[in-house]
Amino acid sequence: MDDSLAQGAMRVEERTMDILAKIAEQRIREAMERGEFDNLPFHGQPINLDDLVGVPEHLRMGYKILKNAGVLPEEMQLKKEIVSLKNLLDACYNETEKQTLQQKMNEKMLRYNMMMEKQLHKPTYQKYHAKIMKKLGS
């Protein structure tokens, strides 16, 4: 993948995430103004982020072990590595080393994009996407 193409793809993804974040923030703010969050259970109490209520009981121990071991899903690990490589690239002044880092980053971005492309074709993703679009009124 060409350097400029990889960087362009990353910028498009960042802009898309920025737009989605702004839409989400706006929708949350509007719901707060209408008082839609006022009567939620545990309103005003801290959230336990380690709560695994949404995870089937037979999977909870495995999830906890993986989390405690610092294991991330592969796509999250790739994103983390891409960010690290970008930071290294920004701080690098040696052209040979820069090329090596850029090559590694391009490979990881290609792998990440291929993983995400596969996700787009899964029925679960398509159902989730349709629900999101319906909620957003699109």
N, C-alpha and C. Protein backbone atom coordinates (compact mmCIF):
# COMPACT_ATOMS: atom_id res chain seq x y z
N MET A 1 0.85 -1.17 0.00
CA MET A 1 0.00 0.00 0.00
C MET A 1 0.90 1.23 0.00
N ASP A 2 0.62 2.18 -0.85
CA ASP A 2 1.36 3.42 -0.96
C ASP A 2 1.24 4.22 0.33
N ASP A 3 2.33 4.94 0.70
CA ASP A 3 2.32 5.73 1.94
C ASP A 3 1.18 6.74 1.96
N SER A 4 1.02 7.48 0.86
CA SER A 4 -0.02 8.51 0.84
C SER A 4 -1.41 7.89 0.86
N LEU A 5 -1.56 6.73 0.22
CA LEU A 5 -2.84 6.03 0.22
C LEU A 5 -3.19 5.55 1.63
N ALA A 6 -2.20 5.00 2.33
CA ALA A 6 -2.42 4.52 3.70
C ALA A 6 -2.79 5.68 4.62
N GLN A 7 -2.06 6.78 4.48
CA GLN A 7 -2.34 7.93 5.33
C GLN A 7 -3.71 8.53 5.00
N GLY A 8 -4.06 8.53 3.71
CA GLY A 8 -5.37 9.04 3.31
C GLY A 8 -6.49 8.20 3.87
N ALA A 9 -6.31 6.88 3.85
CA ALA A 9 -7.32 5.97 4.40
C ALA A 9 -7.49 6.21 5.89
N MET A 10 -6.37 6.44 6.58
CA MET A 10 -6.42 6.69 8.02
C MET A 10 -7.15 8.00 8.31
N ARG A 11 -6.89 9.03 7.49
CA ARG A 11 -7.56 10.33 7.70
C ARG A 11 -9.06 10.20 7.46
N VAL A 12 -9.47 9.46 6.44
CA VAL A 12 -10.90 9.27 6.16
C VAL A 12 -11.56 8.57 7.34
N GLU A 13 -10.89 7.54 7.87
CA GLU A 13 -11.44 6.81 9.01
C GLU A 13 -11.56 7.73 10.22
N GLU A 14 -10.54 8.58 10.45
CA GLU A 14 -10.58 9.51 11.58
C GLU A 14 -11.72 10.51 11.41
N ARG A 15 -11.90 11.04 10.18
CA ARG A 15 -12.99 12.00 9.95
C ARG A 15 -14.35 11.34 10.16
N THR A 16 -14.49 10.09 9.71
CA THR A 16 -15.75 9.37 9.89
C THR A 16 -16.04 9.19 11.37
N MET A 17 -15.01 8.82 12.14
CA MET A 17 -15.20 8.64 13.57
C MET A 17 -15.54 9.97 14.24
N ASP A 18 -14.90 11.07 13.79
CA ASP A 18 -15.21 12.38 14.34
C ASP A 18 -16.66 12.76 14.08
N ILE A 19 -17.13 12.50 12.88
CA ILE A 19 -18.52 12.81 12.53
C ILE A 19 -19.48 11.99 13.38
N LEU A 20 -19.20 10.68 13.50
CA LEU A 20 -20.06 9.81 14.31
C LEU A 20 -20.05 10.23 15.77
N ALA A 21 -18.87 10.61 16.28
CA ALA A 21 -18.77 11.06 17.67
C ALA A 21 -19.59 12.34 17.88
N LYS A 22 -19.54 13.26 16.92
CA LYS A 22 -20.31 14.50 17.04
C LYS A 22 -21.81 14.23 17.01
N ILE A 23 -22.22 13.32 16.12
CA ILE A 23 -23.64 12.96 16.05
C ILE A 23 -24.08 12.33 17.37
N ALA A 24 -23.26 11.41 17.89
CA ALA A 24 -23.59 10.75 19.16
C ALA A 24 -23.68 11.77 20.29
N GLU A 25 -22.70 12.66 20.36
CA GLU A 25 -22.71 13.69 21.41
C GLU A 25 -23.96 14.55 21.32
N GLN A 26 -24.32 14.93 20.09
CA GLN A 26 -25.51 15.77 19.90
C GLN A 26 -26.77 15.03 20.35
N ARG A 27 -26.89 13.76 19.97
CA ARG A 27 -28.07 12.97 20.36
C ARG A 27 -28.14 12.79 21.88
N ILE A 28 -27.01 12.57 22.50
CA ILE A 28 -26.97 12.41 23.96
C ILE A 28 -27.38 13.72 24.64
N ARG A 29 -26.82 14.82 24.16
CA ARG A 29 -27.15 16.13 24.73
C ARG A 29 -28.65 16.41 24.61
N GLU A 30 -29.23 16.13 23.44
CA GLU A 30 -30.67 16.35 23.24
C GLU A 30 -31.50 15.48 24.17
N ALA A 31 -31.09 14.21 24.33
CA ALA A 31 -31.81 13.31 25.23
C ALA A 31 -31.71 13.80 26.67
N MET A 32 -30.55 14.31 27.06
CA MET A 32 -30.38 14.85 28.42
C MET A 32 -31.30 16.05 28.64
N GLU A 33 -31.39 16.92 27.63
CA GLU A 33 -32.25 18.10 27.74
C GLU A 33 -33.73 17.71 27.87
N ARG A 34 -34.11 16.61 27.22
CA ARG A 34 -35.50 16.13 27.33
C ARG A 34 -35.72 15.34 28.62
N GLY A 35 -34.65 15.09 29.38
CA GLY A 35 -34.78 14.38 30.65
C GLY A 35 -34.89 12.88 30.51
N GLU A 36 -34.46 12.34 29.38
CA GLU A 36 -34.61 10.91 29.13
C GLU A 36 -33.69 10.05 30.00
N PHE A 37 -32.70 10.64 30.62
CA PHE A 37 -31.78 9.88 31.47
C PHE A 37 -32.08 10.06 32.96
N ASP A 38 -33.06 10.88 33.29
CA ASP A 38 -33.32 11.22 34.70
C ASP A 38 -33.83 10.06 35.55
N ASN A 39 -34.55 9.13 34.96
CA ASN A 39 -35.16 8.06 35.74
C ASN A 39 -34.49 6.71 35.54
N LEU A 40 -33.25 6.72 35.12
CA LEU A 40 -32.54 5.46 34.91
C LEU A 40 -32.18 4.83 36.25
N PRO A 41 -32.15 3.48 36.30
CA PRO A 41 -31.72 2.83 37.54
C PRO A 41 -30.29 3.25 37.86
N PHE A 42 -30.00 3.41 39.13
CA PHE A 42 -28.66 3.78 39.61
C PHE A 42 -28.23 5.17 39.15
N HIS A 43 -29.19 6.04 38.82
CA HIS A 43 -28.89 7.41 38.39
C HIS A 43 -28.03 8.11 39.45
N GLY A 44 -26.93 8.70 39.01
CA GLY A 44 -26.05 9.43 39.91
C GLY A 44 -25.05 8.57 40.66
N GLN A 45 -25.05 7.26 40.42
CA GLN A 45 -24.11 6.37 41.11
C GLN A 45 -23.00 5.96 40.14
N PRO A 46 -21.82 5.67 40.68
CA PRO A 46 -20.72 5.27 39.79
C PRO A 46 -21.03 3.96 39.07
N ILE A 47 -20.47 3.83 37.88
CA ILE A 47 -20.67 2.63 37.07
C ILE A 47 -19.51 1.67 37.33
N ASN A 48 -19.84 0.41 37.55
CA ASN A 48 -18.81 -0.61 37.72
C ASN A 48 -18.42 -1.12 36.34
N LEU A 49 -17.27 -0.68 35.83
CA LEU A 49 -16.86 -1.06 34.48
C LEU A 49 -16.39 -2.51 34.39
N ASP A 50 -16.14 -3.16 35.52
CA ASP A 50 -15.75 -4.56 35.51
C ASP A 50 -16.96 -5.49 35.55
N ASP A 51 -18.15 -4.91 35.55
CA ASP A 51 -19.38 -5.69 35.60
C ASP A 51 -19.55 -6.48 34.30
N LEU A 52 -19.71 -7.77 34.40
CA LEU A 52 -19.85 -8.64 33.23
C LEU A 52 -21.27 -9.16 33.08
N VAL A 53 -22.25 -8.36 33.49
CA VAL A 53 -23.65 -8.78 33.45
C VAL A 53 -24.07 -9.14 32.03
N GLY A 54 -23.57 -8.41 31.03
CA GLY A 54 -23.96 -8.66 29.65
C GLY A 54 -23.29 -9.87 29.02
N VAL A 55 -22.34 -10.48 29.73
CA VAL A 55 -21.61 -11.63 29.21
C VAL A 55 -22.25 -12.90 29.77
N PRO A 56 -22.52 -13.89 28.91
CA PRO A 56 -23.10 -15.14 29.41
C PRO A 56 -22.24 -15.70 30.55
N GLU A 57 -22.90 -16.25 31.54
CA GLU A 57 -22.22 -16.71 32.75
C GLU A 57 -21.07 -17.68 32.47
N HIS A 58 -21.25 -18.60 31.52
CA HIS A 58 -20.22 -19.58 31.24
C HIS A 58 -18.97 -18.97 30.57
N LEU A 59 -19.06 -17.72 30.09
CA LEU A 59 -17.92 -17.07 29.46
C LEU A 59 -17.22 -16.04 30.36
N ARG A 60 -17.83 -15.71 31.48
CA ARG A 60 -17.31 -14.63 32.33
C ARG A 60 -15.90 -14.88 32.84
N MET A 61 -15.61 -16.09 33.30
CA MET A 61 -14.28 -16.38 33.84
C MET A 61 -13.22 -16.19 32.75
N GLY A 62 -13.51 -16.69 31.55
CA GLY A 62 -12.57 -16.54 30.44
C GLY A 62 -12.33 -15.08 30.10
N TYR A 63 -13.41 -14.30 30.07
CA TYR A 63 -13.28 -12.87 29.78
C TYR A 63 -12.41 -12.19 30.83
N LYS A 64 -12.66 -12.53 32.09
CA LYS A 64 -11.91 -11.91 33.19
C LYS A 64 -10.42 -12.28 33.10
N ILE A 65 -10.12 -13.53 32.80
CA ILE A 65 -8.73 -13.97 32.68
C ILE A 65 -8.04 -13.22 31.54
N LEU A 66 -8.71 -13.15 30.38
CA LEU A 66 -8.13 -12.44 29.23
C LEU A 66 -7.92 -10.96 29.54
N LYS A 67 -8.90 -10.34 30.19
CA LYS A 67 -8.77 -8.92 30.53
C LYS A 67 -7.62 -8.71 31.50
N ASN A 68 -7.52 -9.54 32.53
CA ASN A 68 -6.44 -9.40 33.51
C ASN A 68 -5.07 -9.64 32.90
N ALA A 69 -5.02 -10.46 31.85
CA ALA A 69 -3.75 -10.74 31.17
C ALA A 69 -3.41 -9.66 30.15
N GLY A 70 -4.32 -8.69 29.97
CA GLY A 70 -4.06 -7.59 29.03
C GLY A 70 -4.24 -7.99 27.57
N VAL A 71 -5.00 -9.05 27.33
CA VAL A 71 -5.21 -9.52 25.96
C VAL A 71 -6.31 -8.67 25.31
N LEU A 72 -6.01 -8.18 24.12
CA LEU A 72 -6.97 -7.39 23.36
C LEU A 72 -7.45 -8.19 22.15
N PRO A 73 -8.66 -7.88 21.66
CA PRO A 73 -9.06 -8.48 20.38
C PRO A 73 -8.05 -8.06 19.31
N GLU A 74 -7.88 -8.90 18.30
CA GLU A 74 -6.83 -8.66 17.30
C GLU A 74 -6.94 -7.29 16.63
N GLU A 75 -8.17 -6.87 16.30
CA GLU A 75 -8.30 -5.57 15.63
C GLU A 75 -7.90 -4.42 16.54
N MET A 76 -8.18 -4.55 17.84
CA MET A 76 -7.78 -3.50 18.80
C MET A 76 -6.26 -3.48 18.95
N GLN A 77 -5.65 -4.65 18.97
CA GLN A 77 -4.20 -4.75 19.07
C GLN A 77 -3.54 -4.11 17.85
N LEU A 78 -4.10 -4.37 16.67
CA LEU A 78 -3.56 -3.77 15.45
C LEU A 78 -3.67 -2.25 15.48
N LYS A 79 -4.82 -1.74 15.91
CA LYS A 79 -5.00 -0.28 16.01
C LYS A 79 -3.97 0.32 16.96
N LYS A 80 -3.76 -0.35 18.07
CA LYS A 80 -2.78 0.11 19.06
C LYS A 80 -1.37 0.15 18.44
N GLU A 81 -1.02 -0.89 17.69
CA GLU A 81 0.29 -0.95 17.05
C GLU A 81 0.42 0.12 15.97
N ILE A 82 -0.65 0.38 15.23
CA ILE A 82 -0.63 1.42 14.19
C ILE A 82 -0.37 2.79 14.81
N VAL A 83 -1.05 3.07 15.91
CA VAL A 83 -0.84 4.35 16.60
C VAL A 83 0.60 4.47 17.08
N SER A 84 1.13 3.39 17.65
CA SER A 84 2.53 3.40 18.13
C SER A 84 3.49 3.64 16.97
N LEU A 85 3.26 2.95 15.86
CA LEU A 85 4.13 3.13 14.70
C LEU A 85 4.04 4.56 14.15
N LYS A 86 2.84 5.13 14.15
CA LYS A 86 2.67 6.52 13.69
C LYS A 86 3.46 7.46 14.58
N ASN A 87 3.39 7.26 15.88
CA ASN A 87 4.15 8.10 16.81
C ASN A 87 5.65 7.96 16.59
N LEU A 88 6.11 6.74 16.37
CA LEU A 88 7.53 6.51 16.09
C LEU A 88 7.94 7.19 14.78
N LEU A 89 7.07 7.09 13.76
CA LEU A 89 7.35 7.73 12.48
C LEU A 89 7.47 9.24 12.63
N ASP A 90 6.56 9.82 13.39
CA ASP A 90 6.58 11.27 13.60
C ASP A 90 7.86 11.73 14.30
N ALA A 91 8.43 10.88 15.13
CA ALA A 91 9.62 11.25 15.89
C ALA A 91 10.92 10.82 15.21
N CYS A 92 10.82 10.10 14.10
CA CYS A 92 11.99 9.53 13.45
C CYS A 92 12.60 10.51 12.45
N TYR A 93 13.93 10.61 12.46
CA TYR A 93 14.64 11.48 11.52
C TYR A 93 15.50 10.70 10.54
N ASN A 94 15.77 9.44 10.81
CA ASN A 94 16.59 8.60 9.96
C ASN A 94 15.72 8.05 8.82
N GLU A 95 16.08 8.39 7.57
CA GLU A 95 15.25 8.00 6.42
C GLU A 95 15.11 6.48 6.26
N THR A 96 16.19 5.75 6.50
CA THR A 96 16.13 4.29 6.37
C THR A 96 15.19 3.71 7.41
N GLU A 97 15.32 4.18 8.62
CA GLU A 97 14.44 3.71 9.70
C GLU A 97 12.99 4.12 9.44
N LYS A 98 12.81 5.34 8.90
CA LYS A 98 11.48 5.82 8.57
C LYS A 98 10.80 4.91 7.55
N GLN A 99 11.56 4.50 6.54
CA GLN A 99 11.00 3.61 5.51
C GLN A 99 10.60 2.27 6.12
N THR A 100 11.42 1.75 7.02
CA THR A 100 11.12 0.47 7.67
C THR A 100 9.84 0.60 8.50
N LEU A 101 9.75 1.68 9.27
CA LEU A 101 8.56 1.91 10.10
C LEU A 101 7.31 2.09 9.23
N GLN A 102 7.46 2.84 8.14
CA GLN A 102 6.33 3.08 7.24
C GLN A 102 5.84 1.77 6.63
N GLN A 103 6.77 0.91 6.25
CA GLN A 103 6.42 -0.40 5.69
C GLN A 103 5.66 -1.24 6.71
N LYS A 104 6.14 -1.24 7.95
CA LYS A 104 5.44 -2.00 9.01
C LYS A 104 4.04 -1.44 9.22
N MET A 105 3.93 -0.11 9.25
CA MET A 105 2.63 0.51 9.47
C MET A 105 1.68 0.19 8.32
N ASN A 106 2.17 0.25 7.09
CA ASN A 106 1.34 -0.08 5.93
C ASN A 106 0.83 -1.51 6.00
N GLU A 107 1.69 -2.44 6.40
CA GLU A 107 1.29 -3.84 6.51
C GLU A 107 0.20 -4.01 7.56
N LYS A 108 0.37 -3.34 8.70
CA LYS A 108 -0.63 -3.46 9.78
C LYS A 108 -1.95 -2.81 9.36
N MET A 109 -1.86 -1.67 8.66
CA MET A 109 -3.08 -1.01 8.20
C MET A 109 -3.82 -1.86 7.18
N LEU A 110 -3.07 -2.49 6.29
CA LEU A 110 -3.68 -3.37 5.30
C LEU A 110 -4.39 -4.54 5.99
N ARG A 111 -3.70 -5.13 6.95
CA ARG A 111 -4.28 -6.26 7.69
C ARG A 111 -5.54 -5.82 8.45
N TYR A 112 -5.46 -4.65 9.10
CA TYR A 112 -6.60 -4.11 9.83
C TYR A 112 -7.78 -3.86 8.88
N ASN A 113 -7.50 -3.21 7.75
CA ASN A 113 -8.56 -2.91 6.79
C ASN A 113 -9.20 -4.18 6.24
N MET A 114 -8.38 -5.21 6.02
CA MET A 114 -8.93 -6.48 5.55
C MET A 114 -9.82 -7.12 6.61
N MET A 115 -9.42 -7.02 7.87
CA MET A 115 -10.25 -7.56 8.96
C MET A 115 -11.59 -6.83 9.03
N MET A 116 -11.54 -5.50 8.91
CA MET A 116 -12.75 -4.70 9.00
C MET A 116 -13.65 -4.97 7.80
N GLU A 117 -13.05 -5.18 6.64
CA GLU A 117 -13.83 -5.49 5.44
C GLU A 117 -14.59 -6.79 5.62
N LYS A 118 -13.95 -7.79 6.24
CA LYS A 118 -14.63 -9.06 6.52
C LYS A 118 -15.82 -8.83 7.45
N GLN A 119 -15.64 -7.95 8.44
CA GLN A 119 -16.71 -7.67 9.41
C GLN A 119 -17.94 -7.11 8.72
N LEU A 120 -17.72 -6.29 7.68
CA LEU A 120 -18.84 -5.64 6.99
C LEU A 120 -19.78 -6.64 6.34
N HIS A 121 -19.28 -7.82 6.02
CA HIS A 121 -20.09 -8.80 5.32
C HIS A 121 -20.73 -9.82 6.25
N LYS A 122 -20.47 -9.73 7.54
CA LYS A 122 -21.08 -10.66 8.49
C LYS A 122 -22.52 -10.24 8.77
N PRO A 123 -23.44 -11.19 8.85
CA PRO A 123 -24.85 -10.86 9.11
C PRO A 123 -25.04 -10.08 10.41
N THR A 124 -24.26 -10.40 11.43
CA THR A 124 -24.38 -9.70 12.71
C THR A 124 -24.11 -8.22 12.53
N TYR A 125 -23.05 -7.90 11.80
CA TYR A 125 -22.70 -6.50 11.56
C TYR A 125 -23.80 -5.82 10.76
N GLN A 126 -24.31 -6.50 9.73
CA GLN A 126 -25.32 -5.90 8.88
C GLN A 126 -26.59 -5.59 9.66
N LYS A 127 -26.98 -6.48 10.58
CA LYS A 127 -28.16 -6.24 11.42
C LYS A 127 -27.90 -5.04 12.34
N TYR A 128 -26.72 -5.02 12.94
CA TYR A 128 -26.34 -3.92 13.85
C TYR A 128 -26.33 -2.60 13.08
N HIS A 129 -25.74 -2.60 11.90
CA HIS A 129 -25.65 -1.39 11.08
C HIS A 129 -27.05 -0.89 10.72
N ALA A 130 -27.93 -1.82 10.35
CA ALA A 130 -29.31 -1.43 9.98
C ALA A 130 -30.03 -0.80 11.17
N LYS A 131 -29.83 -1.36 12.37
CA LYS A 131 -30.46 -0.79 13.58
C LYS A 131 -29.93 0.62 13.85
N ILE A 132 -28.61 0.80 13.70
CA ILE A 132 -28.01 2.12 13.94
C ILE A 132 -28.57 3.13 12.93
N MET A 133 -28.62 2.75 11.67
CA MET A 133 -29.13 3.65 10.64
C MET A 133 -30.60 4.02 10.90
N LYS A 134 -31.37 3.03 11.34
CA LYS A 134 -32.78 3.28 11.65
C LYS A 134 -32.89 4.27 12.80
N LYS A 135 -32.06 4.07 13.85
CA LYS A 135 -32.08 4.98 15.00
C LYS A 135 -31.67 6.39 14.60
N LEU A 136 -30.69 6.48 13.69
CA LEU A 136 -30.21 7.80 13.26
C LEU A 136 -31.15 8.44 12.26
N GLY A 137 -32.14 7.68 11.80
CA GLY A 137 -33.11 8.23 10.87
C GLY A 137 -32.58 8.29 9.44
N SER A 138 -31.60 7.47 9.14
CA SER A 138 -31.02 7.48 7.78
C SER A 138 -31.62 6.40 6.93
